[in-house]
Amino acid sequence: MRDILPDLRARCSDGIPFALATVVAVHGSAPRDPGAVLAVDAAGTVVGSVSGGCVEGDVYEVAREVLAGAGPRVVSYGISDDEAFGVGLTCGGTIEILVRAYATAAEREDLAAVLDLIAADLPVAEATVLSGAAETGARLVVRPALAADSHDIPGIHGTPGTPGTFGTLGSEGLDAAVSDDARGLLAQGHTGIQWYGAHGQRRMQEVAVFVRTYAPPPRMLVFGAIDHAAATARIGSFLGYRVTVCDARPAFATRERFPTADEVVRAWPHAYLESTEVDARTVICVLTHDPKFDVPLLAAALRTPAAYIGVMGSRRTHRDRLARLRAAGVDEAHLARLASPVGLDLGARTPEETAVSIAAEIIQHRWGGTGRPLGELSGAIHHPGGPTGTR
């Protein structure tokens, strides 16, 4: 959704009807994950993608039908279908796609409220009925707790400091059950299909509900304002992280040197890390390779739940660093969390190549990949399930 967020907001504000196709399930290998979207407006303009081009042509026709009044539909494409090669899904997987219209001003206003939250980096979950006893396309939007200014966003109901919702899936019991589960999925950053009874009963298979979560972007903290940091900040932004570069030296920690970073902080690294928010999706890249910065910084980093802590330096530097950390009281279990020397072995030389190496290791760590060439492996290209750590 984020990749076409400006386009969708513009259509809502300009009163342009459109249909939105959303990937709700993937089985086997497929180009896009659940949550990927494609929009088709009344003029036939297309933005976004649900399959990297495999089935877009057929989804376009379905979207036009839905926009013309056919009602929400869930369509499936895969190699088990007789028409699979006709629509072009030859990658070996099956995808299910929900197509629904935002044809009226009220529908677009409801969606705009969600888009405003996403644009403001505020957490929100959207639950939509796919099939079963409830009405297909019925929609419930859930927030974990309203921020102090959330009452200014149209369509969000509730009191600041309390959970907020709008919409309904058709019954009070179903709304309550889905709201609880949506908040749990939102806390974990997970998206997927949940099953319920018609009135929200657990362990029943009567109603399929797709819960799409929009958590704020994860953070990348880059310590050390060197040329490698500039390249790492650029690729971090490209991967969707909110990037902070931190260095104690005023001459180096400047906005001019790091134009793509969301934030440039002039502070002692360990002091900044101890004062800022770090969660289980945060990645930390320590590029200072200076003991007076590294040791207190890494001791602080290893006390956080960060998903990844990568440290630049030679093997000799790393051995010395480990000895200093042990002397500072850091135990072996914590030291084992360090990725050092940082990055995958790509033969990188330049700062930009090194940044690719670091990014590759972060992705590998997140999804549990092998780091080996895909051509040397067999089986599914995309790893099943979610990331190895909490997102």
Foldseek 3Di string as FASTA:
>chain_A
DVVCLVVLLVCLVVVWKKKKKFWFDKFFFFQDHGGWIWIATPVRDIDTDDGVQQQVVVVSVVRNVQLVPPAKAKDKEAPVDPCNVVRGVPPHMMIIMIMHIQNDSVSSLQVSLVSVCLVVQAKKKKKAWHDFPWDGGFIKIKHQFADCPSVVRPQWDDHHGHITMGTDRHEPQLNVLVRVVLNVCQVLVDWHWDAAPPRRHPPDHGIIMTMHIRHGAAAEEEEDLDPLSLLLLVVCVVVRHQYEYEEQDPVRQDCVSRVSHNYGYRDQQLVVLVVDDAALDYEYEYEHLDLVRPQSNLVSVLVYNYLAYEYADDPVSVVVSVVSNVVVPDDPVSVVRYHPPAFDPPVDDDSNSVSVRNVVVSVCQFAVDDSDPPVVDDGGPHDPDGTPTRD
